[in-house]
PDB file of N, CA and C in Angstrom:
ATOM      1  N   VAL A   1      -4.834   4.700   1.980  1.00  0.00           N
ATOM      2  CA  VAL A   1      -5.153   3.934   2.775  1.00  0.00           C
ATOM      3  C   VAL A   1      -3.404   3.686   3.558  1.00  0.00           C
ATOM      4  N   LEU A   2      -3.636   3.231   5.070  1.00  0.00           N
ATOM      5  CA  LEU A   2      -2.583   3.452   5.642  1.00  0.00           C
ATOM      6  C   LEU A   2      -1.889   2.092   6.205  1.00  0.00           C
ATOM      7  N   SER A   3      -0.683   2.154   6.340  1.00  0.00           N
ATOM      8  CA  SER A   3       0.260   0.905   6.884  1.00  0.00           C
ATOM      9  C   SER A   3      -0.510   0.528   7.958  1.00  0.00           C
ATOM     10  N   PRO A   4      -0.817  -0.849   8.209  1.00  0.00           N
ATOM     11  CA  PRO A   4      -1.186  -1.743   9.503  1.00  0.00           C
ATOM     12  C   PRO A   4       0.041  -1.442   9.981  1.00  0.00           C
ATOM     13  N   ILE A   5       1.161  -1.837   9.611  1.00  0.00           N
ATOM     14  CA  ILE A   5       2.414  -2.425  10.761  1.00  0.00           C
ATOM     15  C   ILE A   5       3.560  -1.563   9.953  1.00  0.00           C
ATOM     16  N   GLN A   6       4.465  -1.479  11.285  1.00  0.00           N
ATOM     17  CA  GLN A   6       5.997  -1.199  10.534  1.00  0.00           C
ATOM     18  C   GLN A   6       6.679  -2.099   9.896  1.00  0.00           C
ATOM     19  N   GLY A   7       7.410  -1.777   8.761  1.00  0.00           N
ATOM     20  CA  GLY A   7       7.851  -2.609   8.154  1.00  0.00           C
ATOM     21  C   GLY A   7       8.796  -1.968   6.740  1.00  0.00           C
ATOM     22  N   GLN A   8       9.073  -2.896   5.626  1.00  0.00           N
ATOM     23  CA  GLN A   8       9.778  -2.236   4.420  1.00  0.00           C
ATOM     24  C   GLN A   8       8.776  -2.608   3.518  1.00  0.00           C
ATOM     25  N   VAL A   9       8.852  -1.577   2.392  1.00  0.00           N
ATOM     26  CA  VAL A   9       7.733  -1.968   1.462  1.00  0.00           C
ATOM     27  C   VAL A   9       8.928  -2.901   0.191  1.00  0.00           C
ATOM     28  N   VAL A  10       8.087  -3.828   0.174  1.00  0.00           N
ATOM     29  CA  VAL A  10       8.827  -4.984  -0.620  1.00  0.00           C
ATOM     30  C   VAL A  10       8.265  -4.747  -2.340  1.00  0.00           C
ATOM     31  N   SER A  11       6.887  -4.587  -2.448  1.00  0.00           N
ATOM     32  CA  SER A  11       6.447  -4.137  -3.722  1.00  0.00           C
ATOM     33  C   SER A  11       5.709  -3.199  -3.706  1.00  0.00           C
ATOM     34  N   VAL A  12       5.109  -2.361  -4.750  1.00  0.00           N
ATOM     35  CA  VAL A  12       4.072  -1.701  -4.814  1.00  0.00           C
ATOM     36  C   VAL A  12       3.338  -1.847  -6.497  1.00  0.00           C
ATOM     37  N   ASN A  13       2.087  -2.219  -6.064  1.00  0.00           N
ATOM     38  CA  ASN A  13       1.294  -3.147  -7.097  1.00  0.00           C
ATOM     39  C   ASN A  13       0.383  -1.848  -8.148  1.00  0.00           C
ATOM     40  N   VAL A  14       0.244  -0.738  -7.683  1.00  0.00           N
ATOM     41  CA  VAL A  14      -0.493   0.225  -8.464  1.00  0.00           C
ATOM     42  C   VAL A  14       0.404   1.435  -8.836  1.00  0.00           C
ATOM     43  N   LYS A  15      -0.090   2.032  -9.446  1.00  0.00           N
ATOM     44  CA  LYS A  15       0.174   3.620  -9.914  1.00  0.00           C
ATOM     45  C   LYS A  15      -0.818   4.762  -9.990  1.00  0.00           C
ATOM     46  N   VAL A  16      -0.514   5.927 -10.084  1.00  0.00           N
ATOM     47  CA  VAL A  16      -1.395   6.989 -10.318  1.00  0.00           C
ATOM     48  C   VAL A  16      -2.488   6.599 -11.613  1.00  0.00           C
ATOM     49  N   GLY A  17      -3.830   6.643 -11.335  1.00  0.00           N
ATOM     50  CA  GLY A  17      -4.767   6.553 -12.250  1.00  0.00           C
ATOM     51  C   GLY A  17      -4.986   5.191 -12.604  1.00  0.00           C
ATOM     52  N   ASP A  18      -4.541   4.019 -11.775  1.00  0.00           N
ATOM     53  CA  ASP A  18      -4.892   2.846 -11.798  1.00  0.00           C
ATOM     54  C   ASP A  18      -6.851   3.075 -11.014  1.00  0.00           C
ATOM     55  N   THR A  19      -7.291   2.051 -11.560  1.00  0.00           N
ATOM     56  CA  THR A  19      -8.752   1.762 -11.067  1.00  0.00           C
ATOM     57  C   THR A  19      -8.733   0.515 -10.152  1.00  0.00           C
ATOM     58  N   VAL A  20      -8.884   0.367  -8.945  1.00  0.00           N
ATOM     59  CA  VAL A  20      -8.993  -0.645  -7.877  1.00  0.00           C
ATOM     60  C   VAL A  20     -10.423  -0.714  -7.474  1.00  0.00           C
ATOM     61  N   LYS A  21     -10.129  -2.449  -7.063  1.00  0.00           N
ATOM     62  CA  LYS A  21     -11.594  -3.052  -6.280  1.00  0.00           C
ATOM     63  C   LYS A  21     -11.317  -3.348  -5.282  1.00  0.00           C
ATOM     64  N   LYS A  22     -12.302  -3.275  -4.108  1.00  0.00           N
ATOM     65  CA  LYS A  22     -12.010  -3.485  -2.744  1.00  0.00           C
ATOM     66  C   LYS A  22     -11.193  -5.015  -2.655  1.00  0.00           C
ATOM     67  N   GLY A  23     -10.313  -4.948  -1.580  1.00  0.00           N
ATOM     68  CA  GLY A  23      -9.507  -6.096  -1.502  1.00  0.00           C
ATOM     69  C   GLY A  23      -8.520  -6.479  -2.245  1.00  0.00           C
ATOM     70  N   ALA A  24      -7.910  -5.429  -3.648  1.00  0.00           N
ATOM     71  CA  ALA A  24      -7.066  -5.675  -4.473  1.00  0.00           C
ATOM     72  C   ALA A  24      -5.744  -4.898  -3.436  1.00  0.00           C
ATOM     73  N   VAL A  25      -4.826  -5.995  -3.842  1.00  0.00           N
ATOM     74  CA  VAL A  25      -3.298  -5.905  -3.240  1.00  0.00           C
ATOM     75  C   VAL A  25      -2.656  -4.288  -3.882  1.00  0.00           C
ATOM     76  N   LEU A  26      -2.622  -3.555  -2.779  1.00  0.00           N
ATOM     77  CA  LEU A  26      -1.955  -2.191  -3.123  1.00  0.00           C
ATOM     78  C   LEU A  26      -0.317  -2.017  -2.943  1.00  0.00           C
ATOM     79  N   CYS A  27       0.054  -3.215  -2.196  1.00  0.00           N
ATOM     80  CA  CYS A  27       1.359  -2.936  -2.165  1.00  0.00           C
ATOM     81  C   CYS A  27       1.582  -4.298  -0.819  1.00  0.00           C
ATOM     82  N   ILE A  28       2.950  -4.577  -0.740  1.00  0.00           N
ATOM     83  CA  ILE A  28       3.334  -5.401   0.300  1.00  0.00           C
ATOM     84  C   ILE A  28       4.208  -5.010   1.004  1.00  0.00           C
ATOM     85  N   ILE A  29       4.076  -4.960   2.559  1.00  0.00           N
ATOM     86  CA  ILE A  29       5.076  -4.741   3.446  1.00  0.00           C
ATOM     87  C   ILE A  29       5.554  -5.631   4.383  1.00  0.00           C
ATOM     88  N   GLU A  30       7.093  -5.977   4.064  1.00  0.00           N
ATOM     89  CA  GLU A  30       7.738  -6.822   5.283  1.00  0.00           C
ATOM     90  C   GLU A  30       8.161  -6.293   6.388  1.00  0.00           C
ATOM     91  N   ALA A  31       7.475  -7.406   7.026  1.00  0.00           N
ATOM     92  CA  ALA A  31       7.866  -7.153   8.783  1.00  0.00           C
ATOM     93  C   ALA A  31       8.189  -8.365   9.252  1.00  0.00           C
ATOM     94  N   MET A  32       9.398  -8.343  10.314  1.00  0.00           N
ATOM     95  CA  MET A  32       9.796  -9.722  10.824  1.00  0.00           C
ATOM     96  C   MET A  32       9.582 -10.594  10.056  1.00  0.00           C
ATOM     97  N   LYS A  33      10.437 -10.932   8.817  1.00  0.00           N
ATOM     98  CA  LYS A  33      10.394 -11.884   7.520  1.00  0.00           C
ATOM     99  C   LYS A  33       9.049 -12.120   7.252  1.00  0.00           C
ATOM    100  N   LEU A  34       7.908 -11.720   7.571  1.00  0.00           N
ATOM    101  CA  LEU A  34       6.633 -12.078   6.975  1.00  0.00           C
ATOM    102  C   LEU A  34       6.173 -10.694   6.319  1.00  0.00           C
ATOM    103  N   GLU A  35       5.489 -11.359   5.187  1.00  0.00           N
ATOM    104  CA  GLU A  35       4.855 -10.488   4.092  1.00  0.00           C
ATOM    105  C   GLU A  35       3.658 -10.367   3.923  1.00  0.00           C
ATOM    106  N   ASN A  36       3.094  -9.103   4.146  1.00  0.00           N
ATOM    107  CA  ASN A  36       1.826  -8.562   4.559  1.00  0.00           C
ATOM    108  C   ASN A  36       1.414  -7.994   3.569  1.00  0.00           C
ATOM    109  N   GLU A  37       0.309  -8.194   2.817  1.00  0.00           N
ATOM    110  CA  GLU A  37      -0.431  -7.362   1.534  1.00  0.00           C
ATOM    111  C   GLU A  37      -1.410  -6.258   2.375  1.00  0.00           C
ATOM    112  N   VAL A  38      -1.405  -5.664   1.735  1.00  0.00           N
ATOM    113  CA  VAL A  38      -1.848  -4.120   2.265  1.00  0.00           C
ATOM    114  C   VAL A  38      -3.265  -4.183   1.187  1.00  0.00           C
ATOM    115  N   ASN A  39      -4.223  -4.341   1.291  1.00  0.00           N
ATOM    116  CA  ASN A  39      -5.448  -4.295   0.540  1.00  0.00           C
ATOM    117  C   ASN A  39      -6.255  -2.907   0.524  1.00  0.00           C
ATOM    118  N   ALA A  40      -6.957  -2.896  -0.833  1.00  0.00           N
ATOM    119  CA  ALA A  40      -7.831  -1.291  -1.081  1.00  0.00           C
ATOM    120  C   ALA A  40      -8.961  -1.783  -0.328  1.00  0.00           C
ATOM    121  N   GLU A  41      -9.123  -0.622   0.507  1.00  0.00           N
ATOM    122  CA  GLU A  41     -10.713  -0.746   1.779  1.00  0.00           C
ATOM    123  C   GLU A  41     -12.026  -0.362   0.862  1.00  0.00           C
ATOM    124  N   PHE A  42     -11.799   0.017  -0.274  1.00  0.00           N
ATOM    125  CA  PHE A  42     -13.169   0.140  -0.972  1.00  0.00           C
ATOM    126  C   PHE A  42     -12.787   0.345  -2.978  1.00  0.00           C
ATOM    127  N   ASP A  43     -13.388   0.545  -3.348  1.00  0.00           N
ATOM    128  CA  ASP A  43     -13.300   0.742  -5.049  1.00  0.00           C
ATOM    129  C   ASP A  43     -12.879   2.043  -5.288  1.00  0.00           C
ATOM    130  N   GLY A  44     -12.191   2.320  -6.242  1.00  0.00           N
ATOM    131  CA  GLY A  44     -11.800   3.862  -6.415  1.00  0.00           C
ATOM    132  C   GLY A  44     -10.548   3.918  -7.517  1.00  0.00           C
ATOM    133  N   THR A  45     -10.311   4.957  -7.619  1.00  0.00           N
ATOM    134  CA  THR A  45      -9.063   5.490  -8.523  1.00  0.00           C
ATOM    135  C   THR A  45      -7.722   5.922  -7.667  1.00  0.00           C
ATOM    136  N   VAL A  46      -6.871   5.214  -7.967  1.00  0.00           N
ATOM    137  CA  VAL A  46      -5.559   5.768  -7.273  1.00  0.00           C
ATOM    138  C   VAL A  46      -5.179   7.021  -7.459  1.00  0.00           C
ATOM    139  N   THR A  47      -4.852   8.192  -6.544  1.00  0.00           N
ATOM    140  CA  THR A  47      -4.721   9.577  -7.158  1.00  0.00           C
ATOM    141  C   THR A  47      -3.617   9.880  -6.323  1.00  0.00           C
ATOM    142  N   GLU A  48      -3.021   9.269  -5.423  1.00  0.00           N
ATOM    143  CA  GLU A  48      -1.414   9.452  -5.409  1.00  0.00           C
ATOM    144  C   GLU A  48      -0.826   7.838  -4.520  1.00  0.00           C
ATOM    145  N   VAL A  49       0.667   7.894  -4.561  1.00  0.00           N
ATOM    146  CA  VAL A  49       1.212   6.835  -4.137  1.00  0.00           C
ATOM    147  C   VAL A  49       2.194   7.295  -3.565  1.00  0.00           C
ATOM    148  N   CYS A  50       2.343   7.135  -2.363  1.00  0.00           N
ATOM    149  CA  CYS A  50       3.194   7.632  -1.417  1.00  0.00           C
ATOM    150  C   CYS A  50       4.253   7.128  -0.741  1.00  0.00           C
ATOM    151  N   VAL A  51       4.803   5.816  -1.351  1.00  0.00           N
ATOM    152  CA  VAL A  51       5.818   4.985  -0.982  1.00  0.00           C
ATOM    153  C   VAL A  51       6.175   4.227  -1.773  1.00  0.00           C
ATOM    154  N   THR A  52       7.670   4.019  -2.206  1.00  0.00           N
ATOM    155  CA  THR A  52       8.498   3.386  -3.060  1.00  0.00           C
ATOM    156  C   THR A  52       8.793   1.918  -2.657  1.00  0.00           C
ATOM    157  N   LYS A  53       9.148   1.391  -3.381  1.00  0.00           N
ATOM    158  CA  LYS A  53       9.729   0.089  -3.096  1.00  0.00           C
ATOM    159  C   LYS A  53      11.165   0.323  -2.403  1.00  0.00           C
ATOM    160  N   GLY A  54      11.527  -0.721  -1.279  1.00  0.00           N
ATOM    161  CA  GLY A  54      12.402  -0.475  -0.384  1.00  0.00           C
ATOM    162  C   GLY A  54      12.566   0.565   0.845  1.00  0.00           C
ATOM    163  N   GLN A  55      11.338   1.572   0.602  1.00  0.00           N
ATOM    164  CA  GLN A  55      11.213   2.544   1.671  1.00  0.00           C
ATOM    165  C   GLN A  55      10.748   1.699   2.737  1.00  0.00           C
ATOM    166  N   ASN A  56      11.396   2.331   4.195  1.00  0.00           N
ATOM    167  CA  ASN A  56      10.705   1.809   5.351  1.00  0.00           C
ATOM    168  C   ASN A  56       9.381   2.619   5.900  1.00  0.00           C
ATOM    169  N   VAL A  57       8.319   1.941   6.121  1.00  0.00           N
ATOM    170  CA  VAL A  57       7.026   3.062   6.708  1.00  0.00           C
ATOM    171  C   VAL A  57       6.901   2.335   8.280  1.00  0.00           C
ATOM    172  N   THR A  58       6.650   3.672   8.804  1.00  0.00           N
ATOM    173  CA  THR A  58       5.831   3.527  10.105  1.00  0.00           C
ATOM    174  C   THR A  58       4.420   2.905  10.234  1.00  0.00           C
ATOM    175  N   ALA A  59       3.819   2.234  11.193  1.00  0.00           N
ATOM    176  CA  ALA A  59       2.594   2.056  11.510  1.00  0.00           C
ATOM    177  C   ALA A  59       1.743   3.549  11.292  1.00  0.00           C
ATOM    178  N   LYS A  60       0.596   3.436  10.728  1.00  0.00           N
ATOM    179  CA  LYS A  60      -0.348   4.282  10.674  1.00  0.00           C
ATOM    180  C   LYS A  60       0.310   5.427   9.275  1.00  0.00           C
ATOM    181  N   GLN A  61       1.283   5.095   8.496  1.00  0.00           N
ATOM    182  CA  GLN A  61       1.732   6.033   7.309  1.00  0.00           C
ATOM    183  C   GLN A  61       0.843   5.996   6.537  1.00  0.00           C
ATOM    184  N   LEU A  62       0.615   7.027   5.344  1.00  0.00           N
ATOM    185  CA  LEU A  62      -0.055   6.988   4.378  1.00  0.00           C
ATOM    186  C   LEU A  62       0.997   6.535   3.355  1.00  0.00           C
ATOM    187  N   LEU A  63       0.177   5.367   2.896  1.00  0.00           N
ATOM    188  CA  LEU A  63       0.639   4.602   1.695  1.00  0.00           C
ATOM    189  C   LEU A  63       0.008   5.030   0.340  1.00  0.00           C
ATOM    190  N   VAL A  64      -1.121   4.778   0.236  1.00  0.00           N
ATOM    191  CA  VAL A  64      -1.856   5.264  -1.129  1.00  0.00           C
ATOM    192  C   VAL A  64      -3.210   6.213  -1.090  1.00  0.00           C
ATOM    193  N   LYS A  65      -3.357   7.253  -1.737  1.00  0.00           N
ATOM    194  CA  LYS A  65      -4.482   7.717  -2.001  1.00  0.00           C
ATOM    195  C   LYS A  65      -5.583   7.150  -2.933  1.00  0.00           C
ATOM    196  N   ILE A  66      -6.801   6.676  -2.382  1.00  0.00           N
ATOM    197  CA  ILE A  66      -7.859   6.496  -3.441  1.00  0.00           C
ATOM    198  C   ILE A  66      -9.269   7.416  -3.142  1.00  0.00           C
ATOM    199  N   LYS A  67      -9.280   7.703  -4.440  1.00  0.00           N
ATOM    200  CA  LYS A  67     -10.771   8.651  -4.440  1.00  0.00           C
ATOM    201  C   LYS A  67     -11.896   7.916  -5.263  1.00  0.00           C
TER     202      LYS A  67
END
């Protein structure tokens, strides 16, 4: 799952091994004082979390791997 925008990660809601459903909130990115939810694009299991709370991310940066 890629970041839709540039901003700062304010929360990470999943960890490796979690099972997620399509639409589940994986993390929240703050950009220009707005919090943007990043949702799972499909059902699966989280295999890797590539960001941490407080980290700055760029648009299209890899956030979470789901298999």
